[in-house]
Structure formats: C-alpha cells, structure tokens
Amino acid sequence: MAAMTTGNTSRADTNRRRILDVALTELLRDPDASMDQIARAAGVVRRTVYGHFPSREALISTLVDEAVAALTDADARARGAVSDPAEAVARSVLAIWEIADRYRLLIALAQRTVTVQGIRERLAPLREEKARLLRRGLDEGVFQSALPAPALAYVHEQMLFAVMEAVNDGLVAAREAGRSATVAVLTAAGVPAPTATALVARVSEES
C-alpha cells in the first residue's frame, strides 16, 4: 500500500510539474489560453488540471510564485561576495532581468488576475534585500539619492516593471532592455551615467 501511495504521489507531482511547464509555455504564447487548452497541450484531461489548480487564477498565481522564487535565487547568486554596492546592483539587475524577460508576458497577465498588490507582496523579501544593499551604498557614498533606501528600492522595482511593459509594447528591443534597465537603475541611485554605462558593459562582458 505504501509503495502504491508513493507511486501515486510521484505521478501526481510529475503531472503537476508538467501542467505548470506547459501552462507557462501556452500562456506566453497566448495570454488568453484556457484551462482546456492547457490540459490538451499537457496531454491530460481537464479534470486533472483542476485537481491540482482549482481555477485559472490559481494556476497563474502558482506560476508567479515560481517566477518570484527564480528572481530571488538569481539575485542572491549574482550578488554573491561582491563588495562594491554599485557592482552588486548591476550584477543583480542583469541577472534578474534574464529571469524577468522570460516571465514578462506572464507578469503582465498576472497583473490582471493576481493584482499588482499581490505581486508586490510576493516581491517583499527581494525588495528588502535590495533596500539593505542600497542603504549600504548610500552610507558609503556610492549612491546619492533624496529618497531613503526602502523607497529607492520601490523605485527600482517599478522601473523594471515599466521597462518590461515598454518591451511588451515594442518601445524597447528585448535584447537591449537588460543593459538599459540596469544603467537606468544605477543612475536613479545617483551613479553618473558614464560610470553606470561603463560598469554595466564590464559586468555584461564578464557574465
């Protein structure tokens, strides 16, 4: 009985993972994709999808949770043992953008279902880490801003959302957006534009 239960759990986990992977692909291809479409693409019946996710909103919410976890992991890995606050911000934003670019259509979709407030709450731990980094940079004189670090972290977050929307609207080329967004974030923190541009170019070449 235990072996059968383990087998059923493993199969359920596999189905759930497949549904999430397929749902991400389908929603990025067609933001209006229905649960029926996702079920067909995943090769399962509609009841199986609803067994894991009671609604389309719940499915999208889970995908957003996974996106936020990926962003948080990318941020931590990118900053690593980097001591200079400006370089740490540059590496963080560039790494975050790689993940965000993959999910940007999903995030735009999620803003209609999860709500902006829901996304903001999910990003709170990442924002707090960024605020600590910005506070250190402000204390060391690397950054200059009339805003306190927590408020500046919000500004940076909203700038990245805005750049994602600009890419979605065709105003910025996706291939250029990551570097441009990183330079914009650094200049918003008071780093001179030529310094920010040179730093982002160097970090990008090393990555």
Protein backbone atom coordinates (compact mmCIF):
# COMPACT_ATOMS: atom_id res chain seq x y z
CA MET A 1 0.00 0.00 0.00
CA ALA A 2 2.85 2.37 0.91
CA ALA A 3 4.55 1.68 -2.43
CA MET A 4 1.30 2.35 -4.27
CA THR A 5 0.79 5.61 -2.37
CA THR A 6 4.34 6.69 -3.17
CA GLY A 7 3.80 5.86 -6.82
CA ASN A 8 0.57 7.83 -6.94
CA THR A 9 2.23 10.81 -5.25
CA SER A 10 5.14 10.69 -7.66
CA ARG A 11 2.79 10.56 -10.64
CA ALA A 12 0.74 13.42 -9.25
CA ASP A 13 3.88 15.51 -8.73
CA THR A 14 5.02 14.73 -12.27
CA ASN A 15 1.62 15.73 -13.67
CA ARG A 16 1.63 18.94 -11.65
CA ARG A 17 5.12 19.87 -12.87
CA ARG A 18 4.18 19.12 -16.47
CA ILE A 19 1.00 21.19 -16.21
CA LEU A 20 2.97 24.15 -14.85
CA ASP A 21 5.65 23.91 -17.53
CA VAL A 22 3.11 23.58 -20.33
CA ALA A 23 0.91 26.32 -18.85
CA LEU A 24 3.83 28.76 -18.85
CA THR A 25 4.57 27.99 -22.50
CA GLU A 26 0.92 28.26 -23.52
CA LEU A 27 0.26 31.47 -21.60
CA LEU A 28 3.37 33.13 -23.01
CA ARG A 29 2.18 32.11 -26.48
CA ASP A 30 -1.46 33.02 -25.85
CA PRO A 31 -2.25 35.04 -22.68
CA ASP A 32 -5.92 34.06 -23.08
CA ALA A 33 -5.20 30.31 -23.14
CA SER A 34 -7.96 28.44 -21.31
CA MET A 35 -7.64 25.58 -18.86
CA ASP A 36 -8.94 23.29 -21.62
CA GLN A 37 -6.15 24.41 -23.96
CA ILE A 38 -3.57 23.89 -21.25
CA ALA A 39 -4.92 20.43 -20.45
CA ARG A 40 -4.80 19.38 -24.12
CA ALA A 41 -1.26 20.73 -24.53
CA ALA A 42 -0.16 18.89 -21.36
CA GLY A 43 -1.74 15.65 -22.57
CA VAL A 44 -4.05 15.33 -19.56
CA VAL A 45 -7.78 15.59 -19.06
CA ARG A 46 -9.34 18.82 -17.84
CA ARG A 47 -10.21 17.19 -14.51
CA THR A 48 -6.52 16.52 -13.83
CA VAL A 49 -5.66 20.20 -14.26
CA TYR A 50 -8.46 21.26 -11.95
CA GLY A 51 -7.38 18.60 -9.45
CA HIS A 52 -4.12 20.50 -9.00
CA PHE A 53 -5.36 24.04 -9.61
CA PRO A 54 -8.97 24.90 -8.76
CA SER A 55 -9.02 27.87 -11.15
CA ARG A 56 -7.05 29.58 -13.90
CA GLU A 57 -6.20 32.32 -11.42
CA ALA A 58 -4.75 29.76 -9.00
CA LEU A 59 -2.60 28.32 -11.80
CA ILE A 60 -1.30 31.75 -12.79
CA SER A 61 -0.68 32.60 -9.13
CA THR A 62 1.47 29.47 -8.75
CA LEU A 63 3.46 30.40 -11.86
CA VAL A 64 4.04 33.87 -10.40
CA ASP A 65 5.27 32.29 -7.15
CA GLU A 66 7.76 30.24 -9.15
CA ALA A 67 8.87 33.33 -11.09
CA VAL A 68 9.46 35.24 -7.84
CA ALA A 69 11.46 32.31 -6.41
CA ALA A 70 13.61 32.27 -9.55
CA LEU A 71 14.16 36.04 -9.31
CA THR A 72 15.16 35.77 -5.65
CA ASP A 73 17.62 32.97 -6.39
CA ALA A 74 19.12 34.87 -9.34
CA ASP A 75 19.57 37.97 -7.19
CA ALA A 76 21.33 36.07 -4.40
CA ARG A 77 23.66 34.23 -6.78
CA ALA A 78 24.51 37.36 -8.75
CA ARG A 79 25.43 39.47 -5.73
CA GLY A 80 27.39 36.68 -4.10
CA ALA A 81 30.51 38.04 -2.42
CA VAL A 82 30.59 41.27 -4.45
CA SER A 83 31.65 44.04 -2.07
CA ASP A 84 31.07 47.15 -4.20
CA PRO A 85 27.39 48.18 -3.89
CA ALA A 86 27.18 49.59 -7.45
CA GLU A 87 28.61 46.42 -8.97
CA ALA A 88 26.36 44.30 -6.76
CA VAL A 89 23.31 46.23 -8.01
CA ALA A 90 24.48 45.91 -11.63
CA ARG A 91 25.02 42.16 -11.36
CA SER A 92 21.72 41.74 -9.53
CA VAL A 93 19.63 43.66 -12.07
CA LEU A 94 21.26 41.96 -15.05
CA ALA A 95 20.63 38.53 -13.52
CA ILE A 96 17.09 39.43 -12.51
CA TRP A 97 16.36 40.75 -15.98
CA GLU A 98 17.24 37.42 -17.58
CA ILE A 99 14.55 35.77 -15.47
CA ALA A 100 12.11 38.67 -15.74
CA ASP A 101 12.42 38.75 -19.52
CA ARG A 102 11.33 35.12 -19.68
CA TYR A 103 8.33 35.83 -17.47
CA ARG A 104 7.46 39.39 -18.54
CA LEU A 105 4.34 38.45 -20.53
CA LEU A 106 3.21 36.28 -17.63
CA ILE A 107 3.75 39.16 -15.19
CA ALA A 108 1.71 41.45 -17.43
CA LEU A 109 -1.02 38.81 -17.46
CA ALA A 110 -0.76 38.27 -13.71
CA GLN A 111 -1.40 41.95 -13.08
CA ARG A 112 -4.92 41.31 -14.39
CA THR A 113 -5.50 38.27 -12.18
CA VAL A 114 -3.18 38.19 -9.17
CA THR A 115 -3.34 42.00 -8.80
CA VAL A 116 -0.39 44.34 -8.57
CA GLN A 117 -0.67 44.27 -4.77
CA GLY A 118 -0.36 40.50 -4.78
CA ILE A 119 2.80 40.67 -6.88
CA ARG A 120 4.19 43.43 -4.68
CA GLU A 121 3.66 41.30 -1.57
CA ARG A 122 5.44 38.36 -3.19
CA LEU A 123 8.41 40.58 -4.03
CA ALA A 124 8.74 41.97 -0.48
CA PRO A 125 11.70 39.74 0.58
CA LEU A 126 13.61 40.55 -2.61
CA ARG A 127 12.85 44.26 -2.16
CA GLU A 128 14.10 44.17 1.44
CA GLU A 129 17.40 42.65 0.30
CA LYS A 130 17.73 45.37 -2.31
CA ALA A 131 16.97 48.06 0.30
CA ARG A 132 19.77 46.75 2.52
CA LEU A 133 22.20 46.89 -0.39
CA LEU A 134 21.07 50.39 -1.33
CA ARG A 135 21.35 51.55 2.28
CA ARG A 136 24.96 50.36 2.41
CA GLY A 137 25.70 52.14 -0.86
CA LEU A 138 24.12 55.34 0.43
CA ASP A 139 26.09 55.10 3.68
CA GLU A 140 29.34 54.59 1.76
CA GLY A 141 28.61 57.46 -0.63
CA VAL A 142 28.49 55.15 -3.66
CA PHE A 143 24.85 56.15 -4.23
CA GLN A 144 23.27 59.58 -3.91
CA SER A 145 19.51 59.93 -3.52
CA ALA A 146 16.97 62.18 -1.84
CA LEU A 147 14.97 59.02 -1.13
CA PRO A 148 15.69 56.62 1.74
CA ALA A 149 16.80 53.13 0.74
CA PRO A 150 13.40 51.39 1.15
CA ALA A 151 11.70 53.99 -1.08
CA LEU A 152 14.53 53.80 -3.62
CA ALA A 153 14.09 50.02 -3.73
CA TYR A 154 10.43 50.59 -4.69
CA VAL A 155 11.52 52.99 -7.43
CA HIS A 156 13.93 50.42 -8.84
CA GLU A 157 11.24 47.73 -8.77
CA GLN A 158 8.74 49.92 -10.60
CA MET A 159 11.36 50.93 -13.16
CA LEU A 160 11.90 47.28 -14.04
CA PHE A 161 8.15 46.73 -14.36
CA ALA A 162 7.97 49.79 -16.62
CA VAL A 163 10.80 48.55 -18.84
CA MET A 164 9.06 45.17 -19.14
CA GLU A 165 5.90 46.93 -20.28
CA ALA A 166 7.93 49.01 -22.73
CA VAL A 167 9.38 45.82 -24.22
CA ASN A 168 5.90 44.27 -24.43
CA ASP A 169 4.68 47.41 -26.24
CA GLY A 170 7.59 47.32 -28.68
CA LEU A 171 9.17 50.53 -27.39
CA VAL A 172 12.45 48.88 -26.38
CA ALA A 173 14.19 45.94 -28.05
CA ALA A 174 14.29 42.94 -25.71
CA ARG A 175 17.98 42.32 -26.48
CA GLU A 176 18.88 45.83 -25.32
CA ALA A 177 16.47 46.14 -22.41
CA GLY A 178 18.54 44.37 -19.77
CA ARG A 179 21.57 46.62 -20.05
CA SER A 180 19.45 49.73 -20.49
CA ALA A 181 17.35 48.91 -17.42
CA THR A 182 20.47 48.30 -15.35
CA VAL A 183 22.01 51.63 -16.35
CA ALA A 184 18.70 53.36 -15.59
CA VAL A 185 18.52 51.76 -12.12
CA LEU A 186 22.08 52.80 -11.30
CA THR A 187 21.57 56.37 -12.48
CA ALA A 188 18.36 56.55 -10.43
CA ALA A 189 20.56 55.72 -7.43
CA GLY A 190 22.81 58.64 -8.27
CA VAL A 191 25.59 56.90 -10.18
CA PRO A 192 26.78 59.16 -13.05
CA ALA A 193 25.52 57.85 -16.41
CA PRO A 194 29.01 57.35 -17.96
CA THR A 195 30.14 55.43 -14.86
CA ALA A 196 26.98 53.32 -14.85
CA THR A 197 27.27 52.57 -18.58
CA ALA A 198 30.91 51.51 -18.28
CA LEU A 199 30.18 49.34 -15.24
CA VAL A 200 27.26 47.58 -16.91
CA ALA A 201 29.33 46.96 -20.06
CA ARG A 202 32.16 45.43 -18.00
CA VAL A 203 29.87 43.24 -15.90
CA SER A 204 27.97 42.09 -19.01
CA GLU A 205 31.21 41.06 -20.72
CA GLU A 206 32.30 39.07 -17.65
CA SER A 207 28.97 37.25 -17.34
